[in-house]
Amino acid sequence: MRGGRREDLALHPTVKPVGLVADAIKDVTKHGDLVLDLFLGSGTTLLAAERAGRRFRGIEIDPKYVDVALERWSAQTALELQLEGAVS
């Protein structure tokens, strides 16, 4: 495995390649559509939706993985995520 993949797997045991997910999102949505991920995990779908020009909403029960997803997204976009309805 390449180095980046190993780092991704250290964040979450089932992380997927962002490019693969972005291609799938493009196949079934239009630019600006909303993508919903009910199992946010490490945020791969969030990153893929951003890359594909789609809006995104996600849910994750484990606060540790919410933090991982937010950190990955922030590193990719240099922005801060707006949390709506977050429960602590």
PDB file of N, CA and C in Angstrom:
ATOM      1  N   MET A   1       0.839  -1.190   0.000  1.00  0.00           N
ATOM      2  CA  MET A   1       0.000   0.000   0.000  1.00  0.00           C
ATOM      3  C   MET A   1       0.877   1.243   0.000  1.00  0.00           C
ATOM      4  N   ARG A   2       0.394   2.262  -0.698  1.00  0.00           N
ATOM      5  CA  ARG A   2       1.137   3.529  -0.717  1.00  0.00           C
ATOM      6  C   ARG A   2       0.997   4.220   0.638  1.00  0.00           C
ATOM      7  N   GLY A   3       1.890   5.156   0.918  1.00  0.00           N
ATOM      8  CA  GLY A   3       1.933   5.836   2.209  1.00  0.00           C
ATOM      9  C   GLY A   3       0.645   6.512   2.605  1.00  0.00           C
ATOM     10  N   GLY A   4       0.011   7.265   1.682  1.00  0.00           N
ATOM     11  CA  GLY A   4      -1.223   7.975   1.996  1.00  0.00           C
ATOM     12  C   GLY A   4      -2.337   7.037   2.401  1.00  0.00           C
ATOM     13  N   ARG A   5      -2.402   5.885   1.753  1.00  0.00           N
ATOM     14  CA  ARG A   5      -3.440   4.893   2.074  1.00  0.00           C
ATOM     15  C   ARG A   5      -3.244   4.362   3.488  1.00  0.00           C
ATOM     16  N   ARG A   6      -2.020   4.125   3.870  1.00  0.00           N
ATOM     17  CA  ARG A   6      -1.746   3.658   5.236  1.00  0.00           C
ATOM     18  C   ARG A   6      -2.190   4.701   6.261  1.00  0.00           C
ATOM     19  N   GLU A   7      -1.918   5.971   5.966  1.00  0.00           N
ATOM     20  CA  GLU A   7      -2.329   7.047   6.873  1.00  0.00           C
ATOM     21  C   GLU A   7      -3.848   7.103   6.981  1.00  0.00           C
ATOM     22  N   ASP A   8      -4.545   6.953   5.857  1.00  0.00           N
ATOM     23  CA  ASP A   8      -6.008   6.965   5.871  1.00  0.00           C
ATOM     24  C   ASP A   8      -6.547   5.819   6.720  1.00  0.00           C
ATOM     25  N   LEU A   9      -5.973   4.632   6.567  1.00  0.00           N
ATOM     26  CA  LEU A   9      -6.437   3.476   7.335  1.00  0.00           C
ATOM     27  C   LEU A   9      -6.161   3.635   8.823  1.00  0.00           C
ATOM     28  N   ALA A  10      -5.176   4.432   9.181  1.00  0.00           N
ATOM     29  CA  ALA A  10      -4.915   4.706  10.600  1.00  0.00           C
ATOM     30  C   ALA A  10      -6.034   5.555  11.197  1.00  0.00           C
ATOM     31  N   LEU A  11      -6.731   6.333  10.349  1.00  0.00           N
ATOM     32  CA  LEU A  11      -7.821   7.192  10.813  1.00  0.00           C
ATOM     33  C   LEU A  11      -9.106   6.406  11.034  1.00  0.00           C
ATOM     34  N   HIS A  12      -9.345   5.409  10.188  1.00  0.00           N
ATOM     35  CA  HIS A  12     -10.593   4.642  10.231  1.00  0.00           C
ATOM     36  C   HIS A  12     -10.345   3.310   9.526  1.00  0.00           C
ATOM     37  N   PRO A  13     -10.838   2.201  10.066  1.00  0.00           N
ATOM     38  CA  PRO A  13     -10.505   0.888   9.496  1.00  0.00           C
ATOM     39  C   PRO A  13     -11.111   0.600   8.120  1.00  0.00           C
ATOM     40  N   THR A  14     -12.110   1.346   7.688  1.00  0.00           N
ATOM     41  CA  THR A  14     -12.740   1.045   6.393  1.00  0.00           C
ATOM     42  C   THR A  14     -12.765   2.256   5.462  1.00  0.00           C
ATOM     43  N   VAL A  15     -11.768   3.111   5.562  1.00  0.00           N
ATOM     44  CA  VAL A  15     -11.715   4.304   4.716  1.00  0.00           C
ATOM     45  C   VAL A  15     -11.644   3.891   3.242  1.00  0.00           C
ATOM     46  N   LYS A  16     -12.359   4.641   2.390  1.00  0.00           N
ATOM     47  CA  LYS A  16     -12.416   4.355   0.951  1.00  0.00           C
ATOM     48  C   LYS A  16     -11.630   5.416   0.186  1.00  0.00           C
ATOM     49  N   PRO A  17     -11.184   5.112  -1.039  1.00  0.00           N
ATOM     50  CA  PRO A  17     -10.502   6.111  -1.862  1.00  0.00           C
ATOM     51  C   PRO A  17     -11.461   7.238  -2.258  1.00  0.00           C
ATOM     52  N   VAL A  18     -11.091   8.477  -1.997  1.00  0.00           N
ATOM     53  CA  VAL A  18     -11.960   9.627  -2.260  1.00  0.00           C
ATOM     54  C   VAL A  18     -12.299   9.727  -3.741  1.00  0.00           C
ATOM     55  N   GLY A  19     -11.332   9.505  -4.610  1.00  0.00           N
ATOM     56  CA  GLY A  19     -11.572   9.597  -6.048  1.00  0.00           C
ATOM     57  C   GLY A  19     -12.622   8.616  -6.532  1.00  0.00           C
ATOM     58  N   LEU A  20     -12.592   7.416  -6.002  1.00  0.00           N
ATOM     59  CA  LEU A  20     -13.575   6.389  -6.375  1.00  0.00           C
ATOM     60  C   LEU A  20     -14.982   6.821  -5.975  1.00  0.00           C
ATOM     61  N   VAL A  21     -15.124   7.331  -4.766  1.00  0.00           N
ATOM     62  CA  VAL A  21     -16.426   7.773  -4.275  1.00  0.00           C
ATOM     63  C   VAL A  21     -16.887   9.025  -5.035  1.00  0.00           C
ATOM     64  N   ALA A  22     -15.975   9.932  -5.345  1.00  0.00           N
ATOM     65  CA  ALA A  22     -16.334  11.138  -6.109  1.00  0.00           C
ATOM     66  C   ALA A  22     -16.864  10.759  -7.491  1.00  0.00           C
ATOM     67  N   ASP A  23     -16.241   9.789  -8.143  1.00  0.00           N
ATOM     68  CA  ASP A  23     -16.724   9.331  -9.450  1.00  0.00           C
ATOM     69  C   ASP A  23     -18.127   8.757  -9.349  1.00  0.00           C
ATOM     70  N   ALA A  24     -18.382   7.975  -8.299  1.00  0.00           N
ATOM     71  CA  ALA A  24     -19.716   7.396  -8.111  1.00  0.00           C
ATOM     72  C   ALA A  24     -20.753   8.495  -7.861  1.00  0.00           C
ATOM     73  N   ILE A  25     -20.395   9.486  -7.074  1.00  0.00           N
ATOM     74  CA  ILE A  25     -21.306  10.599  -6.794  1.00  0.00           C
ATOM     75  C   ILE A  25     -21.639  11.339  -8.091  1.00  0.00           C
ATOM     76  N   LYS A  26     -20.641  11.567  -8.926  1.00  0.00           N
ATOM     77  CA  LYS A  26     -20.874  12.253 -10.202  1.00  0.00           C
ATOM     78  C   LYS A  26     -21.796  11.456 -11.123  1.00  0.00           C
ATOM     79  N   ASP A  27     -21.744  10.128 -11.006  1.00  0.00           N
ATOM     80  CA  ASP A  27     -22.583   9.274 -11.851  1.00  0.00           C
ATOM     81  C   ASP A  27     -24.063   9.377 -11.507  1.00  0.00           C
ATOM     82  N   VAL A  28     -24.391   9.702 -10.258  1.00  0.00           N
ATOM     83  CA  VAL A  28     -25.795   9.642  -9.831  1.00  0.00           C
ATOM     84  C   VAL A  28     -26.375  10.970  -9.347  1.00  0.00           C
ATOM     85  N   THR A  29     -25.594  12.050  -9.429  1.00  0.00           N
ATOM     86  CA  THR A  29     -26.072  13.367  -8.997  1.00  0.00           C
ATOM     87  C   THR A  29     -25.655  14.422 -10.004  1.00  0.00           C
ATOM     88  N   LYS A  30     -26.254  15.602  -9.848  1.00  0.00           N
ATOM     89  CA  LYS A  30     -25.873  16.761 -10.653  1.00  0.00           C
ATOM     90  C   LYS A  30     -25.128  17.753  -9.768  1.00  0.00           C
ATOM     91  N   HIS A  31     -24.356  18.618 -10.410  1.00  0.00           N
ATOM     92  CA  HIS A  31     -23.623  19.657  -9.683  1.00  0.00           C
ATOM     93  C   HIS A  31     -24.592  20.420  -8.773  1.00  0.00           C
ATOM     94  N   GLY A  32     -24.224  20.572  -7.505  1.00  0.00           N
ATOM     95  CA  GLY A  32     -25.049  21.295  -6.545  1.00  0.00           C
ATOM     96  C   GLY A  32     -26.056  20.436  -5.808  1.00  0.00           C
ATOM     97  N   ASP A  33     -26.252  19.171  -6.231  1.00  0.00           N
ATOM     98  CA  ASP A  33     -27.177  18.282  -5.525  1.00  0.00           C
ATOM     99  C   ASP A  33     -26.679  18.015  -4.112  1.00  0.00           C
ATOM    100  N   LEU A  34     -27.582  17.512  -3.281  1.00  0.00           N
ATOM    101  CA  LEU A  34     -27.272  17.179  -1.895  1.00  0.00           C
ATOM    102  C   LEU A  34     -26.932  15.700  -1.774  1.00  0.00           C
ATOM    103  N   VAL A  35     -25.825  15.405  -1.109  1.00  0.00           N
ATOM    104  CA  VAL A  35     -25.400  14.034  -0.840  1.00  0.00           C
ATOM    105  C   VAL A  35     -25.563  13.796   0.660  1.00  0.00           C
ATOM    106  N   LEU A  36     -26.205  12.689   1.026  1.00  0.00           N
ATOM    107  CA  LEU A  36     -26.429  12.321   2.425  1.00  0.00           C
ATOM    108  C   LEU A  36     -25.651  11.054   2.747  1.00  0.00           C
ATOM    109  N   ASP A  37     -24.872  11.094   3.828  1.00  0.00           N
ATOM    110  CA  ASP A  37     -24.135   9.924   4.303  1.00  0.00           C
ATOM    111  C   ASP A  37     -24.528   9.681   5.751  1.00  0.00           C
ATOM    112  N   LEU A  38     -25.215   8.578   5.999  1.00  0.00           N
ATOM    113  CA  LEU A  38     -25.708   8.275   7.343  1.00  0.00           C
ATOM    114  C   LEU A  38     -24.669   7.589   8.226  1.00  0.00           C
ATOM    115  N   PHE A  39     -23.509   7.281   7.656  1.00  0.00           N
ATOM    116  CA  PHE A  39     -22.408   6.670   8.403  1.00  0.00           C
ATOM    117  C   PHE A  39     -21.125   7.398   8.015  1.00  0.00           C
ATOM    118  N   LEU A  40     -20.927   8.589   8.540  1.00  0.00           N
ATOM    119  CA  LEU A  40     -19.862   9.499   8.122  1.00  0.00           C
ATOM    120  C   LEU A  40     -18.471   8.883   8.211  1.00  0.00           C
ATOM    121  N   GLY A  41     -18.207   8.136   9.261  1.00  0.00           N
ATOM    122  CA  GLY A  41     -16.892   7.502   9.403  1.00  0.00           C
ATOM    123  C   GLY A  41     -15.778   8.527   9.329  1.00  0.00           C
ATOM    124  N   SER A  42     -14.794   8.279   8.463  1.00  0.00           N
ATOM    125  CA  SER A  42     -13.642   9.167   8.354  1.00  0.00           C
ATOM    126  C   SER A  42     -13.887  10.349   7.424  1.00  0.00           C
ATOM    127  N   GLY A  43     -15.072  10.428   6.834  1.00  0.00           N
ATOM    128  CA  GLY A  43     -15.426  11.578   6.016  1.00  0.00           C
ATOM    129  C   GLY A  43     -15.126  11.453   4.536  1.00  0.00           C
ATOM    130  N   THR A  44     -14.906  10.237   4.060  1.00  0.00           N
ATOM    131  CA  THR A  44     -14.591  10.059   2.645  1.00  0.00           C
ATOM    132  C   THR A  44     -15.690  10.615   1.741  1.00  0.00           C
ATOM    133  N   THR A  45     -16.945  10.355   2.058  1.00  0.00           N
ATOM    134  CA  THR A  45     -18.035  10.855   1.218  1.00  0.00           C
ATOM    135  C   THR A  45     -18.117  12.375   1.292  1.00  0.00           C
ATOM    136  N   LEU A  46     -17.843  12.946   2.445  1.00  0.00           N
ATOM    137  CA  LEU A  46     -17.777  14.402   2.588  1.00  0.00           C
ATOM    138  C   LEU A  46     -16.728  14.984   1.651  1.00  0.00           C
ATOM    139  N   LEU A  47     -15.532  14.405   1.659  1.00  0.00           N
ATOM    140  CA  LEU A  47     -14.450  14.880   0.798  1.00  0.00           C
ATOM    141  C   LEU A  47     -14.796  14.692  -0.675  1.00  0.00           C
ATOM    142  N   ALA A  48     -15.411  13.565  -0.996  1.00  0.00           N
ATOM    143  CA  ALA A  48     -15.777  13.277  -2.380  1.00  0.00           C
ATOM    144  C   ALA A  48     -16.859  14.231  -2.875  1.00  0.00           C
ATOM    145  N   ALA A  49     -17.838  14.529  -2.035  1.00  0.00           N
ATOM    146  CA  ALA A  49     -18.896  15.466  -2.409  1.00  0.00           C
ATOM    147  C   ALA A  49     -18.305  16.853  -2.652  1.00  0.00           C
ATOM    148  N   GLU A  50     -17.395  17.272  -1.815  1.00  0.00           N
ATOM    149  CA  GLU A  50     -16.716  18.554  -1.984  1.00  0.00           C
ATOM    150  C   GLU A  50     -15.977  18.582  -3.323  1.00  0.00           C
ATOM    151  N   ARG A  51     -15.249  17.521  -3.603  1.00  0.00           N
ATOM    152  CA  ARG A  51     -14.485  17.431  -4.846  1.00  0.00           C
ATOM    153  C   ARG A  51     -15.398  17.454  -6.075  1.00  0.00           C
ATOM    154  N   ALA A  52     -16.588  16.853  -5.939  1.00  0.00           N
ATOM    155  CA  ALA A  52     -17.526  16.745  -7.060  1.00  0.00           C
ATOM    156  C   ALA A  52     -18.444  17.960  -7.197  1.00  0.00           C
ATOM    157  N   GLY A  53     -18.333  18.930  -6.286  1.00  0.00           N
ATOM    158  CA  GLY A  53     -19.172  20.118  -6.354  1.00  0.00           C
ATOM    159  C   GLY A  53     -20.594  19.883  -5.889  1.00  0.00           C
ATOM    160  N   ARG A  54     -20.743  18.974  -4.926  1.00  0.00           N
ATOM    161  CA  ARG A  54     -22.062  18.680  -4.362  1.00  0.00           C
ATOM    162  C   ARG A  54     -22.137  19.197  -2.933  1.00  0.00           C
ATOM    163  N   ARG A  55     -23.353  19.484  -2.473  1.00  0.00           N
ATOM    164  CA  ARG A  55     -23.582  19.841  -1.073  1.00  0.00           C
ATOM    165  C   ARG A  55     -23.596  18.532  -0.278  1.00  0.00           C
ATOM    166  N   PHE A  56     -23.390  18.609   1.031  1.00  0.00           N
ATOM    167  CA  PHE A  56     -23.248  17.390   1.823  1.00  0.00           C
ATOM    168  C   PHE A  56     -23.881  17.538   3.197  1.00  0.00           C
ATOM    169  N   ARG A  57     -24.491  16.467   3.660  1.00  0.00           N
ATOM    170  CA  ARG A  57     -24.949  16.329   5.045  1.00  0.00           C
ATOM    171  C   ARG A  57     -24.550  14.925   5.491  1.00  0.00           C
ATOM    172  N   GLY A  58     -24.082  14.813   6.737  1.00  0.00           N
ATOM    173  CA  GLY A  58     -23.668  13.513   7.245  1.00  0.00           C
ATOM    174  C   GLY A  58     -24.008  13.343   8.709  1.00  0.00           C
ATOM    175  N   ILE A  59     -24.085  12.087   9.113  1.00  0.00           N
ATOM    176  CA  ILE A  59     -24.380  11.723  10.495  1.00  0.00           C
ATOM    177  C   ILE A  59     -23.344  10.698  10.936  1.00  0.00           C
ATOM    178  N   GLU A  60     -22.860  10.843  12.165  1.00  0.00           N
ATOM    179  CA  GLU A  60     -21.925   9.868  12.734  1.00  0.00           C
ATOM    180  C   GLU A  60     -22.164   9.815  14.235  1.00  0.00           C
ATOM    181  N   ILE A  61     -22.269   8.614  14.769  1.00  0.00           N
ATOM    182  CA  ILE A  61     -22.553   8.438  16.190  1.00  0.00           C
ATOM    183  C   ILE A  61     -21.294   8.581  17.054  1.00  0.00           C
ATOM    184  N   ASP A  62     -20.129   8.285  16.507  1.00  0.00           N
ATOM    185  CA  ASP A  62     -18.892   8.302  17.280  1.00  0.00           C
ATOM    186  C   ASP A  62     -18.200   9.662  17.143  1.00  0.00           C
ATOM    187  N   PRO A  63     -18.136  10.437  18.227  1.00  0.00           N
ATOM    188  CA  PRO A  63     -17.515  11.768  18.158  1.00  0.00           C
ATOM    189  C   PRO A  63     -16.070  11.732  17.650  1.00  0.00           C
ATOM    190  N   LYS A  64     -15.355  10.652  17.915  1.00  0.00           N
ATOM    191  CA  LYS A  64     -13.968  10.534  17.441  1.00  0.00           C
ATOM    192  C   LYS A  64     -13.917  10.611  15.919  1.00  0.00           C
ATOM    193  N   TYR A  65     -14.843   9.929  15.248  1.00  0.00           N
ATOM    194  CA  TYR A  65     -14.838   9.936  13.789  1.00  0.00           C
ATOM    195  C   TYR A  65     -15.378  11.245  13.222  1.00  0.00           C
ATOM    196  N   VAL A  66     -16.258  11.902  13.952  1.00  0.00           N
ATOM    197  CA  VAL A  66     -16.691  13.241  13.527  1.00  0.00           C
ATOM    198  C   VAL A  66     -15.476  14.161  13.494  1.00  0.00           C
ATOM    199  N   ASP A  67     -14.653  14.099  14.524  1.00  0.00           N
ATOM    200  CA  ASP A  67     -13.437  14.913  14.566  1.00  0.00           C
ATOM    201  C   ASP A  67     -12.501  14.576  13.411  1.00  0.00           C
ATOM    202  N   VAL A  68     -12.336  13.284  13.124  1.00  0.00           N
ATOM    203  CA  VAL A  68     -11.474  12.856  12.012  1.00  0.00           C
ATOM    204  C   VAL A  68     -11.994  13.424  10.695  1.00  0.00           C
ATOM    205  N   ALA A  69     -13.297  13.295  10.460  1.00  0.00           N
ATOM    206  CA  ALA A  69     -13.892  13.783   9.213  1.00  0.00           C
ATOM    207  C   ALA A  69     -13.726  15.293   9.086  1.00  0.00           C
ATOM    208  N   LEU A  70     -13.958  16.014  10.166  1.00  0.00           N
ATOM    209  CA  LEU A  70     -13.822  17.472  10.130  1.00  0.00           C
ATOM    210  C   LEU A  70     -12.380  17.900   9.884  1.00  0.00           C
ATOM    211  N   GLU A  71     -11.448  17.206  10.502  1.00  0.00           N
ATOM    212  CA  GLU A  71     -10.032  17.530  10.296  1.00  0.00           C
ATOM    213  C   GLU A  71      -9.616  17.266   8.855  1.00  0.00           C
ATOM    214  N   ARG A  72     -10.057  16.139   8.283  1.00  0.00           N
ATOM    215  CA  ARG A  72      -9.724  15.828   6.883  1.00  0.00           C
ATOM    216  C   ARG A  72     -10.331  16.870   5.951  1.00  0.00           C
ATOM    217  N   TRP A  73     -11.592  17.234   6.179  1.00  0.00           N
ATOM    218  CA  TRP A  73     -12.263  18.210   5.329  1.00  0.00           C
ATOM    219  C   TRP A  73     -11.578  19.574   5.430  1.00  0.00           C
ATOM    220  N   SER A  74     -11.267  19.987   6.639  1.00  0.00           N
ATOM    221  CA  SER A  74     -10.627  21.278   6.849  1.00  0.00           C
ATOM    222  C   SER A  74      -9.252  21.316   6.179  1.00  0.00           C
ATOM    223  N   ALA A  75      -8.511  20.223   6.252  1.00  0.00           N
ATOM    224  CA  ALA A  75      -7.197  20.158   5.607  1.00  0.00           C
ATOM    225  C   ALA A  75      -7.331  20.244   4.093  1.00  0.00           C
ATOM    226  N   GLN A  76      -8.376  19.662   3.527  1.00  0.00           N
ATOM    227  CA  GLN A  76      -8.583  19.678   2.078  1.00  0.00           C
ATOM    228  C   GLN A  76      -9.042  21.045   1.589  1.00  0.00           C
ATOM    229  N   THR A  77      -9.862  21.732   2.375  1.00  0.00           N
ATOM    230  CA  THR A  77     -10.494  22.963   1.895  1.00  0.00           C
ATOM    231  C   THR A  77      -9.956  24.232   2.534  1.00  0.00           C
ATOM    232  N   ALA A  78      -9.221  24.112   3.615  1.00  0.00           N
ATOM    233  CA  ALA A  78      -8.737  25.272   4.391  1.00  0.00           C
ATOM    234  C   ALA A  78      -9.912  26.105   4.909  1.00  0.00           C
ATOM    235  N   LEU A  79     -11.056  25.453   5.155  1.00  0.00           N
ATOM    236  CA  LEU A  79     -12.247  26.102   5.703  1.00  0.00           C
ATOM    237  C   LEU A  79     -12.648  25.408   6.997  1.00  0.00           C
ATOM    238  N   GLU A  80     -13.583  26.035   7.731  1.00  0.00           N
ATOM    239  CA  GLU A  80     -14.158  25.396   8.903  1.00  0.00           C
ATOM    240  C   GLU A  80     -15.567  24.971   8.585  1.00  0.00           C
ATOM    241  N   LEU A  81     -15.947  23.789   9.036  1.00  0.00           N
ATOM    242  CA  LEU A  81     -17.269  23.234   8.761  1.00  0.00           C
ATOM    243  C   LEU A  81     -18.304  23.831   9.692  1.00  0.00           C
ATOM    244  N   GLN A  82     -19.479  24.106   9.150  1.00  0.00           N
ATOM    245  CA  GLN A  82     -20.613  24.612   9.927  1.00  0.00           C
ATOM    246  C   GLN A  82     -21.388  23.407  10.452  1.00  0.00           C
ATOM    247  N   LEU A  83     -21.473  23.250  11.750  1.00  0.00           N
ATOM    248  CA  LEU A  83     -22.209  22.142  12.332  1.00  0.00           C
ATOM    249  C   LEU A  83     -23.650  22.570  12.605  1.00  0.00           C
ATOM    250  N   GLU A  84     -24.591  21.765  12.129  1.00  0.00           N
ATOM    251  CA  GLU A  84     -26.012  22.025  12.373  1.00  0.00           C
ATOM    252  C   GLU A  84     -26.584  20.882  13.199  1.00  0.00           C
ATOM    253  N   GLY A  85     -27.222  21.216  14.278  1.00  0.00           N
ATOM    254  CA  GLY A  85     -27.895  20.207  15.077  1.00  0.00           C
ATOM    255  C   GLY A  85     -26.956  19.214  15.721  1.00  0.00           C
ATOM    256  N   ALA A  86     -25.729  19.579  15.954  1.00  0.00           N
ATOM    257  CA  ALA A  86     -24.776  18.673  16.570  1.00  0.00           C
ATOM    258  C   ALA A  86     -25.154  18.425  18.023  1.00  0.00           C
ATOM    259  N   VAL A  87     -25.043  17.195  18.431  1.00  0.00           N
ATOM    260  CA  VAL A  87     -25.340  16.808  19.804  1.00  0.00           C
ATOM    261  C   VAL A  87     -24.024  16.407  20.447  1.00  0.00           C
ATOM    262  N   SER A  88     -23.746  16.973  21.614  1.00  0.00           N
ATOM    263  CA  SER A  88     -22.487  16.628  22.274  1.00  0.00           C
ATOM    264  C   SER A  88     -22.688  15.597  23.352  1.00  0.00           C
TER     265      SER A  88
END
